[in-house]
Amino acid sequence: MQRLTAIYIGSFGVFVSVRLLYSPINDFATWQTWMNQPLVRIGWTIFIFSLLYHGWVGLRSVFMDYAKPLWVRFLVGTVSTLAFLGMSIWTILIIFKIT
């Protein structure tokens, strides 16, 4: 999954860069129009969740390698998991405009 998310993150980053290079977004109304397209919204959703998952797995690996006492590893792992869960919920609220 780590490699799969890395491939998606990289390819989506290239897609967005090329899209903005050839068709720049100059105002908020244009940005909203672009972001309200279903495929763009799905692409951004997958991108953000891929980024969060990729980051969580990477940090978890670092904690498992370098945090030697079990209680430190558990504490840091729990805090980071809760932080990534909070960011995931925040992403859902933003992308799907839930207020």
Protein backbone atom coordinates (compact mmCIF):
# COMPACT_ATOMS: atom_id res chain seq x y z
CA MET A 1 0.00 0.00 0.00
CA GLN A 2 2.90 2.35 0.70
CA ARG A 3 4.12 2.07 -2.89
CA LEU A 4 0.63 2.31 -4.33
CA THR A 5 -0.11 5.51 -2.42
CA ALA A 6 3.28 6.93 -3.46
CA ILE A 7 2.48 6.27 -7.12
CA TYR A 8 -0.93 7.92 -6.81
CA ILE A 9 0.43 10.93 -4.91
CA GLY A 10 3.14 11.46 -7.52
CA SER A 11 0.90 11.00 -10.54
CA PHE A 12 -1.87 13.19 -9.14
CA GLY A 13 0.69 15.87 -8.30
CA VAL A 14 1.91 15.81 -11.91
CA PHE A 15 -1.69 15.93 -13.19
CA VAL A 16 -2.59 18.96 -11.04
CA SER A 17 0.67 20.73 -11.93
CA VAL A 18 0.13 20.24 -15.67
CA ARG A 19 -3.53 21.22 -15.39
CA LEU A 20 -2.70 24.45 -13.55
CA LEU A 21 0.22 25.20 -15.87
CA TYR A 22 -1.87 25.01 -19.03
CA SER A 23 -5.09 26.40 -17.58
CA PRO A 24 -4.35 28.60 -14.58
CA ILE A 25 -7.07 29.35 -12.06
CA ASN A 26 -7.22 33.08 -11.51
CA ASP A 27 -10.14 33.54 -9.16
CA PHE A 28 -12.13 31.79 -6.48
CA ALA A 29 -15.20 31.21 -8.69
CA THR A 30 -13.09 29.30 -11.22
CA TRP A 31 -11.51 27.29 -8.40
CA GLN A 32 -14.95 26.40 -7.02
CA THR A 33 -16.19 25.38 -10.47
CA TRP A 34 -13.19 23.12 -10.96
CA MET A 35 -13.40 21.62 -7.47
CA ASN A 36 -17.15 20.95 -7.80
CA GLN A 37 -16.61 18.55 -10.70
CA PRO A 38 -17.23 15.03 -9.37
CA LEU A 39 -14.07 13.45 -10.82
CA VAL A 40 -11.87 16.26 -9.50
CA ARG A 41 -13.44 15.98 -6.05
CA ILE A 42 -12.94 12.19 -6.05
CA GLY A 43 -9.35 12.63 -7.22
CA TRP A 44 -8.59 15.12 -4.44
CA THR A 45 -10.28 12.89 -1.86
CA ILE A 46 -8.18 9.89 -2.89
CA PHE A 47 -5.08 12.11 -2.95
CA ILE A 48 -5.58 13.45 0.56
CA PHE A 49 -6.41 10.06 2.06
CA SER A 50 -3.44 8.53 0.23
CA LEU A 51 -1.23 11.27 1.64
CA LEU A 52 -2.54 10.72 5.16
CA TYR A 53 -2.18 6.94 4.94
CA HIS A 54 1.30 7.23 3.42
CA GLY A 55 2.38 9.61 6.17
CA TRP A 56 0.90 7.45 8.92
CA VAL A 57 2.63 4.29 7.69
CA GLY A 58 5.93 6.16 7.36
CA LEU A 59 5.74 7.63 10.86
CA ARG A 60 4.66 4.29 12.31
CA SER A 61 7.75 2.67 10.78
CA VAL A 62 10.00 5.36 12.26
CA PHE A 63 8.40 4.94 15.69
CA MET A 64 8.76 1.17 15.56
CA ASP A 65 12.43 1.47 14.60
CA TYR A 66 13.56 4.24 16.93
CA ALA A 67 11.20 4.35 19.93
CA LYS A 68 12.61 1.50 21.98
CA PRO A 69 10.56 1.53 25.19
CA LEU A 70 7.17 -0.05 24.52
CA TRP A 71 5.26 2.64 26.41
CA VAL A 72 6.88 5.42 24.32
CA ARG A 73 6.10 3.56 21.09
CA PHE A 74 2.50 3.04 22.23
CA LEU A 75 2.06 6.66 23.32
CA VAL A 76 3.56 8.19 20.18
CA GLY A 77 1.72 5.72 17.96
CA THR A 78 -1.61 6.45 19.63
CA VAL A 79 -1.16 10.22 19.44
CA SER A 80 -0.14 10.10 15.78
CA THR A 81 -3.02 7.75 14.92
CA LEU A 82 -5.51 10.09 16.59
CA ALA A 83 -3.98 13.07 14.78
CA PHE A 84 -4.26 11.34 11.40
CA LEU A 85 -7.82 10.27 12.21
CA GLY A 86 -8.67 13.89 13.05
CA MET A 87 -7.14 15.07 9.78
CA SER A 88 -9.19 12.45 7.91
CA ILE A 89 -12.41 13.67 9.49
CA TRP A 90 -11.44 17.26 8.75
CA THR A 91 -10.81 16.30 5.11
CA ILE A 92 -14.27 14.77 4.80
CA LEU A 93 -15.84 17.91 6.29
CA ILE A 94 -13.97 20.19 3.88
CA ILE A 95 -14.33 18.23 0.66
CA PHE A 96 -17.98 17.36 1.11
CA LYS A 97 -18.84 20.78 2.61
CA ILE A 98 -20.35 19.39 5.79
CA THR A 99 -21.01 22.13 8.33
